[in-house]
Amino acid sequence: MKTVKLILRLLRHINYRQLVIDVFTKNIFTKMFSVIGAFTIFFYIERQSEIDKVIDVPLTTTDVPEMLNVSSPLPETVVAFLKGNKGDMALLNMNNVKAVVPLTGALVGTKKYYVRLHGLPEGIQVLRILPAKISIQLSKVTMRWIKVKPNLDESGFPDNLIAETKIDPPSLKMYGPKDIFKDMTSVRTEPISIGNLRRDKEIEVELDAVYKSNPKLKFNKDKKFTVNIFINEKKNETEVSQTGKNYNIKINLKSGEEQPFTVKDFDSLYVTNVVYDVPEVQQDLFDPNMDLQFFIDITRINRTGVFNLKVKYENLPEYVELLNYSPKTIRVKIIKK
């Protein structure tokens, strides 16, 4: 009892107001560093705590010998069991992680090969991979020279307008299993749009993506082909208009929202002579006053005065070929709004 009374007596003599002030004012920097240090140690220990993670990883083969081909189906993914601290796991980017089966030095036949995991951050441990081994059958590839055909998209185009097409080179060396060439007599290029074609044309294209994505086919996937398309001249004379003319097409004005200047007497500016080609099949859709958009641009002009500005055009329909127009340069007076 005496001890309790002594404690109570001491508590009555404590200046609590001064005690609170001392807590927040005395040795403030030492106390702040202590708190920061405590949090730093806490988060460091937290990041170092180990966790387990299970991920699905896409599977592929690498280093397949040049004259061999993978002829057995492969699983699309494997399951990987990982272990590491939270800090390292936070760096794990699934876009970088790949499961690969290296086939360096592999021979014809069926054999089991180990799966390797690539693209993991340093510090992450691979506990196991399921399956750890993949049974792969390798067979000899056959080489064939396959004819390449231009893949022309003639939708909305007059019949028999194309007189001839030529492609260079006319064939491509391809490798693959014998059965894949059984019914393959030719391959096609990527689609070639000729909807606005009115004259002979030369274009550079690649092979269609359907062949590039076939894992059983081996060939130069960056190979370019030059396609020459020749127009039937007689057909062209009757089914494609030669030149159309239109006069007094209004010139539009381009300026920034905060542009303090404008063009004096802007409403009197017109393109007075336009020459164009439009295929006959498209003539009903074409309105020169609506589809030919001419403009002058004053967005970079920062003073008043007289300027010679280029007359430009935009949003020209694909089937229209603009042959000529005038004026191409126009003299205007820039004034304040």
Protein backbone atom coordinates (compact mmCIF):
# COMPACT_ATOMS: atom_id res chain seq x y z
CA MET A 1 0.00 0.00 0.00
CA LYS A 2 2.84 2.36 0.77
CA THR A 3 4.26 1.76 -2.69
CA VAL A 4 0.94 2.57 -4.37
CA LYS A 5 0.56 5.74 -2.33
CA LEU A 6 4.08 6.79 -3.29
CA ILE A 7 3.35 6.27 -6.96
CA LEU A 8 0.10 8.24 -6.77
CA ARG A 9 1.89 11.08 -5.01
CA LEU A 10 4.54 11.18 -7.73
CA LEU A 11 1.90 11.18 -10.49
CA ARG A 12 0.18 14.16 -8.87
CA HIS A 13 3.37 16.16 -9.10
CA ILE A 14 3.92 15.48 -12.85
CA ASN A 15 3.34 18.48 -15.13
CA TYR A 16 1.56 16.69 -17.97
CA ARG A 17 1.32 19.78 -20.17
CA GLN A 18 5.09 20.24 -20.03
CA LEU A 19 5.59 16.52 -20.62
CA VAL A 20 3.61 16.63 -23.87
CA ILE A 21 5.51 19.72 -25.01
CA ASP A 22 8.85 18.02 -24.28
CA VAL A 23 7.83 14.93 -26.26
CA PHE A 24 7.26 17.01 -29.41
CA THR A 25 10.02 19.59 -29.00
CA LYS A 26 13.05 18.01 -27.34
CA ASN A 27 15.44 15.93 -29.47
CA ILE A 28 12.95 16.16 -32.35
CA PHE A 29 15.47 15.17 -35.08
CA THR A 30 16.64 12.14 -33.10
CA LYS A 31 13.06 10.99 -32.70
CA MET A 32 12.26 11.57 -36.40
CA PHE A 33 15.27 9.54 -37.53
CA SER A 34 14.25 6.79 -35.13
CA VAL A 35 10.76 6.62 -36.62
CA ILE A 36 12.10 6.68 -40.19
CA GLY A 37 14.64 4.00 -39.34
CA ALA A 38 11.95 1.81 -37.80
CA PHE A 39 9.78 2.07 -40.94
CA THR A 40 12.78 1.40 -43.20
CA ILE A 41 13.69 -1.75 -41.29
CA PHE A 42 10.05 -2.87 -41.33
CA PHE A 43 9.66 -2.48 -45.11
CA TYR A 44 13.06 -4.08 -45.78
CA ILE A 45 12.13 -7.13 -43.72
CA GLU A 46 8.73 -7.20 -45.43
CA ARG A 47 10.31 -7.18 -48.94
CA GLN A 48 12.77 -9.89 -47.96
CA SER A 49 10.03 -12.29 -46.87
CA GLU A 50 9.83 -15.14 -49.38
CA ILE A 51 6.71 -16.09 -51.30
CA ASP A 52 5.81 -18.83 -53.78
CA LYS A 53 4.18 -18.18 -57.17
CA VAL A 54 2.77 -20.45 -59.89
CA ILE A 55 2.64 -19.15 -63.48
CA ASP A 56 1.69 -20.42 -66.95
CA VAL A 57 4.44 -19.73 -69.49
CA PRO A 58 4.15 -19.96 -73.30
CA LEU A 59 6.37 -22.68 -74.79
CA THR A 60 8.49 -22.49 -77.92
CA THR A 61 11.48 -24.22 -79.50
CA THR A 62 14.78 -22.55 -80.37
CA ASP A 63 17.87 -23.40 -82.40
CA VAL A 64 16.11 -25.95 -84.63
CA PRO A 65 18.74 -27.33 -87.04
CA GLU A 66 18.34 -25.85 -90.53
CA MET A 67 17.34 -29.04 -92.36
CA LEU A 68 15.06 -30.40 -89.60
CA ASN A 69 11.48 -29.61 -88.67
CA VAL A 70 9.43 -30.14 -85.50
CA SER A 71 6.75 -32.56 -86.70
CA SER A 72 5.09 -33.38 -83.37
CA PRO A 73 2.56 -31.15 -81.59
CA LEU A 74 3.81 -29.13 -78.61
CA PRO A 75 1.86 -27.97 -75.55
CA GLU A 76 1.07 -24.26 -75.74
CA THR A 77 2.23 -23.58 -72.17
CA VAL A 78 4.04 -25.13 -69.22
CA VAL A 79 3.49 -24.52 -65.50
CA ALA A 80 6.39 -23.03 -63.52
CA PHE A 81 6.66 -23.02 -59.72
CA LEU A 82 8.73 -20.06 -58.50
CA LYS A 83 10.12 -18.89 -55.17
CA GLY A 84 11.60 -15.53 -54.22
CA ASN A 85 11.28 -12.52 -51.99
CA LYS A 86 8.50 -9.98 -52.49
CA GLY A 87 10.88 -7.39 -53.92
CA ASP A 88 12.11 -9.67 -56.70
CA MET A 89 8.61 -10.98 -57.41
CA ALA A 90 7.41 -7.40 -57.89
CA LEU A 91 9.88 -7.13 -60.81
CA LEU A 92 8.43 -10.18 -62.57
CA ASN A 93 7.13 -9.18 -66.03
CA MET A 94 5.14 -11.97 -67.64
CA ASN A 95 5.71 -10.48 -71.11
CA ASN A 96 9.43 -11.22 -70.74
CA VAL A 97 9.15 -14.78 -69.40
CA LYS A 98 9.46 -17.56 -71.98
CA ALA A 99 9.72 -21.33 -71.72
CA VAL A 100 12.05 -22.65 -74.41
CA VAL A 101 13.25 -26.04 -75.58
CA PRO A 102 16.72 -25.57 -77.12
CA LEU A 103 17.34 -28.01 -79.97
CA THR A 104 20.97 -27.24 -80.73
CA GLY A 105 22.61 -30.31 -82.25
CA ALA A 106 19.35 -32.31 -82.31
CA LEU A 107 19.03 -35.23 -84.74
CA VAL A 108 16.20 -36.86 -86.68
CA GLY A 109 13.88 -38.89 -84.47
CA THR A 110 11.87 -38.63 -81.26
CA LYS A 111 13.56 -37.63 -78.03
CA LYS A 112 12.76 -35.89 -74.74
CA TYR A 113 14.26 -32.43 -74.25
CA TYR A 114 14.49 -30.29 -71.10
CA VAL A 115 12.43 -27.09 -70.82
CA ARG A 116 14.32 -23.96 -69.80
CA LEU A 117 12.85 -20.75 -68.38
CA HIS A 118 14.15 -17.39 -69.66
CA GLY A 119 13.43 -13.81 -68.66
CA LEU A 120 13.14 -14.17 -64.87
CA PRO A 121 14.48 -11.37 -62.61
CA GLU A 122 17.67 -12.23 -60.74
CA GLY A 123 16.92 -13.75 -57.35
CA ILE A 124 13.84 -15.77 -58.35
CA GLN A 125 14.33 -19.51 -58.00
CA VAL A 126 12.62 -22.06 -60.27
CA LEU A 127 11.43 -24.88 -58.02
CA ARG A 128 10.08 -27.03 -60.83
CA ILE A 129 8.50 -26.96 -64.29
CA LEU A 130 5.61 -29.17 -65.37
CA PRO A 131 6.31 -30.88 -67.65
CA ALA A 132 10.07 -30.65 -67.13
CA LYS A 133 10.74 -32.61 -70.35
CA ILE A 134 8.95 -32.48 -73.69
CA SER A 135 8.89 -35.33 -76.20
CA ILE A 136 9.71 -33.85 -79.61
CA GLN A 137 9.83 -35.56 -82.99
CA LEU A 138 12.21 -34.07 -85.56
CA SER A 139 12.00 -34.98 -89.22
CA LYS A 140 13.93 -33.96 -92.31
CA VAL A 141 12.53 -31.04 -94.22
CA THR A 142 11.89 -31.01 -97.96
CA MET A 143 12.90 -28.07 -100.15
CA ARG A 144 10.54 -26.85 -102.86
CA TRP A 145 10.43 -23.89 -105.23
CA ILE A 146 6.84 -22.63 -104.90
CA LYS A 147 5.18 -20.30 -107.40
CA VAL A 148 4.11 -16.89 -105.98
CA LYS A 149 0.89 -15.26 -107.22
CA PRO A 150 -0.20 -11.62 -106.71
CA ASN A 151 -3.25 -11.41 -104.43
CA LEU A 152 -5.29 -8.66 -106.14
CA ASP A 153 -8.33 -7.22 -104.39
CA GLU A 154 -10.53 -6.22 -107.36
CA SER A 155 -13.70 -5.44 -105.39
CA GLY A 156 -15.57 -2.45 -106.86
CA PHE A 157 -13.33 -2.54 -109.94
CA PRO A 158 -14.45 -2.82 -113.61
CA ASP A 159 -14.23 -6.35 -115.05
CA ASN A 160 -11.35 -7.20 -117.37
CA LEU A 161 -9.56 -3.91 -116.71
CA ILE A 162 -6.36 -5.73 -115.70
CA ALA A 163 -4.50 -6.81 -118.84
CA GLU A 164 -1.53 -8.54 -117.17
CA THR A 165 0.34 -8.91 -113.90
CA LYS A 166 3.98 -9.83 -113.41
CA ILE A 167 5.79 -10.67 -110.19
CA ASP A 168 9.50 -10.77 -109.47
CA PRO A 169 10.81 -13.14 -108.28
CA PRO A 170 8.15 -15.52 -109.59
CA SER A 171 8.89 -18.26 -107.04
CA LEU A 172 10.19 -18.73 -103.51
CA LYS A 173 12.38 -21.41 -101.94
CA MET A 174 10.53 -22.98 -99.02
CA TYR A 175 11.35 -25.76 -96.54
CA GLY A 176 8.92 -27.97 -94.68
CA PRO A 177 7.71 -31.53 -94.09
CA LYS A 178 6.90 -33.46 -97.24
CA ASP A 179 3.16 -33.68 -96.53
CA ILE A 180 2.73 -29.87 -96.36
CA PHE A 181 3.77 -29.56 -100.02
CA LYS A 182 1.41 -32.32 -101.16
CA ASP A 183 -1.37 -29.89 -102.19
CA MET A 184 0.65 -26.67 -102.24
CA THR A 185 1.28 -25.64 -105.84
CA SER A 186 1.48 -21.89 -105.20
CA VAL A 187 1.38 -19.24 -102.48
CA ARG A 188 -0.09 -15.72 -102.58
CA THR A 189 1.16 -12.30 -101.60
CA GLU A 190 -0.45 -10.06 -99.03
CA PRO A 191 -3.65 -8.42 -100.39
CA ILE A 192 -3.05 -5.70 -103.02
CA SER A 193 -5.81 -3.08 -103.22
CA ILE A 194 -6.40 -1.75 -106.75
CA GLY A 195 -9.68 0.08 -106.11
CA ASN A 196 -8.24 3.41 -107.29
CA LEU A 197 -6.03 2.04 -110.07
CA ARG A 198 -6.19 3.90 -113.38
CA ARG A 199 -2.69 3.43 -114.81
CA ASP A 200 0.01 0.77 -114.87
CA LYS A 201 1.40 0.35 -111.37
CA GLU A 202 4.43 -1.17 -109.64
CA ILE A 203 4.16 -2.14 -105.99
CA GLU A 204 6.38 -3.98 -103.47
CA VAL A 205 4.72 -6.56 -101.23
CA GLU A 206 5.48 -9.48 -98.91
CA LEU A 207 4.03 -12.97 -98.64
CA ASP A 208 0.63 -13.34 -96.99
CA ALA A 209 0.67 -13.56 -93.19
CA VAL A 210 -0.99 -17.00 -93.27
CA TYR A 211 2.30 -18.52 -94.47
CA LYS A 212 4.48 -16.50 -92.09
CA SER A 213 2.52 -17.77 -89.10
CA ASN A 214 2.81 -21.44 -90.11
CA PRO A 215 5.50 -22.94 -87.82
CA LYS A 216 6.06 -25.87 -90.21
CA LEU A 217 7.17 -23.65 -93.10
CA LYS A 218 10.68 -22.24 -93.33
CA PHE A 219 11.54 -19.45 -95.77
CA ASN A 220 12.84 -15.90 -95.89
CA LYS A 221 9.92 -14.15 -94.17
CA ASP A 222 11.28 -10.68 -94.99
CA LYS A 223 11.41 -11.40 -98.71
CA LYS A 224 9.96 -8.63 -100.92
CA PHE A 225 8.18 -9.19 -104.25
CA THR A 226 7.78 -6.58 -106.97
CA VAL A 227 4.36 -6.75 -108.64
CA ASN A 228 3.73 -4.93 -111.93
CA ILE A 229 0.07 -4.41 -112.86
CA PHE A 230 -0.76 -3.48 -116.46
CA ILE A 231 -4.04 -1.86 -117.46
CA ASN A 232 -6.09 -2.91 -120.48
CA GLU A 233 -5.81 0.32 -122.52
CA LYS A 234 -8.99 -0.13 -124.56
CA LYS A 235 -10.98 -0.97 -121.49
CA ASN A 236 -9.42 1.99 -119.72
CA GLU A 237 -10.55 4.40 -122.46
CA THR A 238 -14.19 3.43 -122.13
CA GLU A 239 -14.55 2.81 -118.40
CA VAL A 240 -12.32 5.46 -116.83
CA SER A 241 -12.96 9.17 -117.29
CA GLN A 242 -9.88 11.00 -118.50
CA THR A 243 -10.14 14.48 -116.97
CA GLY A 244 -12.86 16.38 -115.25
CA LYS A 245 -12.85 20.13 -114.65
CA ASN A 246 -14.54 22.23 -112.02
CA TYR A 247 -14.34 25.90 -111.24
CA ASN A 248 -14.63 28.15 -108.18
CA ILE A 249 -14.06 25.70 -105.33
CA LYS A 250 -14.00 27.57 -102.01
CA ILE A 251 -10.69 27.76 -100.12
CA ASN A 252 -10.93 26.98 -96.40
CA LEU A 253 -8.91 28.67 -93.67
CA LYS A 254 -6.86 26.84 -91.03
CA SER A 255 -5.89 28.78 -87.92
CA GLY A 256 -5.35 28.00 -84.25
CA GLU A 257 -8.12 28.53 -81.72
CA GLU A 258 -6.22 31.41 -80.11
CA GLN A 259 -4.98 32.91 -83.41
CA PRO A 260 -5.62 36.69 -83.16
CA PHE A 261 -5.27 37.18 -86.95
CA THR A 262 -7.39 36.36 -89.98
CA VAL A 263 -7.38 36.90 -93.76
CA LYS A 264 -8.93 40.03 -95.23
CA ASP A 265 -11.76 39.33 -97.72
CA PHE A 266 -11.35 35.60 -97.09
CA ASP A 267 -14.77 34.76 -98.57
CA SER A 268 -13.55 35.82 -102.01
CA LEU A 269 -10.78 33.18 -102.21
CA TYR A 270 -11.39 30.28 -104.61
CA VAL A 271 -9.49 27.62 -106.56
CA THR A 272 -10.54 28.47 -110.10
CA ASN A 273 -9.23 25.55 -112.13
CA VAL A 274 -9.11 21.86 -111.14
CA VAL A 275 -8.18 18.85 -113.29
CA TYR A 276 -8.79 15.36 -111.95
CA ASP A 277 -9.35 11.70 -112.90
CA VAL A 278 -12.28 9.72 -111.51
CA PRO A 279 -13.16 6.13 -112.53
CA GLU A 280 -16.52 5.93 -114.26
CA VAL A 281 -17.82 3.48 -111.63
CA GLN A 282 -17.19 6.12 -108.94
CA GLN A 283 -18.47 9.22 -110.74
CA ASP A 284 -21.92 9.12 -109.13
CA LEU A 285 -20.28 9.26 -105.68
CA PHE A 286 -17.98 12.17 -106.48
CA ASP A 287 -18.93 15.81 -105.87
CA PRO A 288 -15.96 18.15 -106.55
CA ASN A 289 -17.34 20.95 -104.38
CA MET A 290 -17.71 18.59 -101.42
CA ASP A 291 -14.86 16.10 -101.94
CA LEU A 292 -12.08 18.49 -103.03
CA GLN A 293 -11.02 20.37 -99.90
CA PHE A 294 -8.51 23.17 -100.45
CA PHE A 295 -7.14 25.36 -97.66
CA ILE A 296 -4.51 27.91 -96.61
CA ASP A 297 -2.83 27.66 -93.20
CA ILE A 298 -2.11 30.74 -91.01
CA THR A 299 -1.50 28.95 -87.69
CA ARG A 300 2.17 30.02 -87.61
CA ILE A 301 1.66 33.61 -88.70
CA ASN A 302 2.22 36.00 -85.78
CA ARG A 303 1.90 39.47 -87.36
CA THR A 304 -0.14 41.45 -89.81
CA GLY A 305 1.03 42.04 -93.36
CA VAL A 306 0.90 40.64 -96.89
CA PHE A 307 1.93 37.00 -97.39
CA ASN A 308 2.17 34.50 -100.26
CA LEU A 309 0.61 31.29 -98.91
CA LYS A 310 0.52 27.82 -100.47
CA VAL A 311 -2.90 26.43 -101.37
CA LYS A 312 -3.01 22.84 -100.13
CA TYR A 313 -5.57 20.06 -100.24
CA GLU A 314 -6.59 17.23 -97.86
CA ASN A 315 -8.95 14.25 -97.47
CA LEU A 316 -8.81 13.40 -101.18
CA PRO A 317 -10.90 10.26 -101.88
CA GLU A 318 -8.76 7.23 -102.78
CA TYR A 319 -10.39 6.81 -106.17
CA VAL A 320 -9.63 10.41 -107.24
CA GLU A 321 -6.35 11.43 -108.84
CA LEU A 322 -5.79 15.19 -108.66
CA LEU A 323 -3.83 16.08 -111.82
CA ASN A 324 -3.60 19.85 -111.50
CA TYR A 325 -5.18 22.89 -109.88
CA SER A 326 -4.61 26.63 -109.72
CA PRO A 327 -3.71 28.84 -108.07
CA LYS A 328 -1.16 26.87 -106.04
CA THR A 329 -0.02 30.03 -104.26
CA ILE A 330 -2.21 32.93 -103.27
CA ARG A 331 -1.38 36.47 -102.06
CA VAL A 332 -3.39 37.45 -98.96
CA LYS A 333 -3.46 40.27 -96.42
CA ILE A 334 -3.31 39.23 -92.75
CA ILE A 335 -5.25 41.49 -90.38
CA LYS A 336 -6.28 41.41 -86.74
CA LYS A 337 -9.66 39.88 -85.99
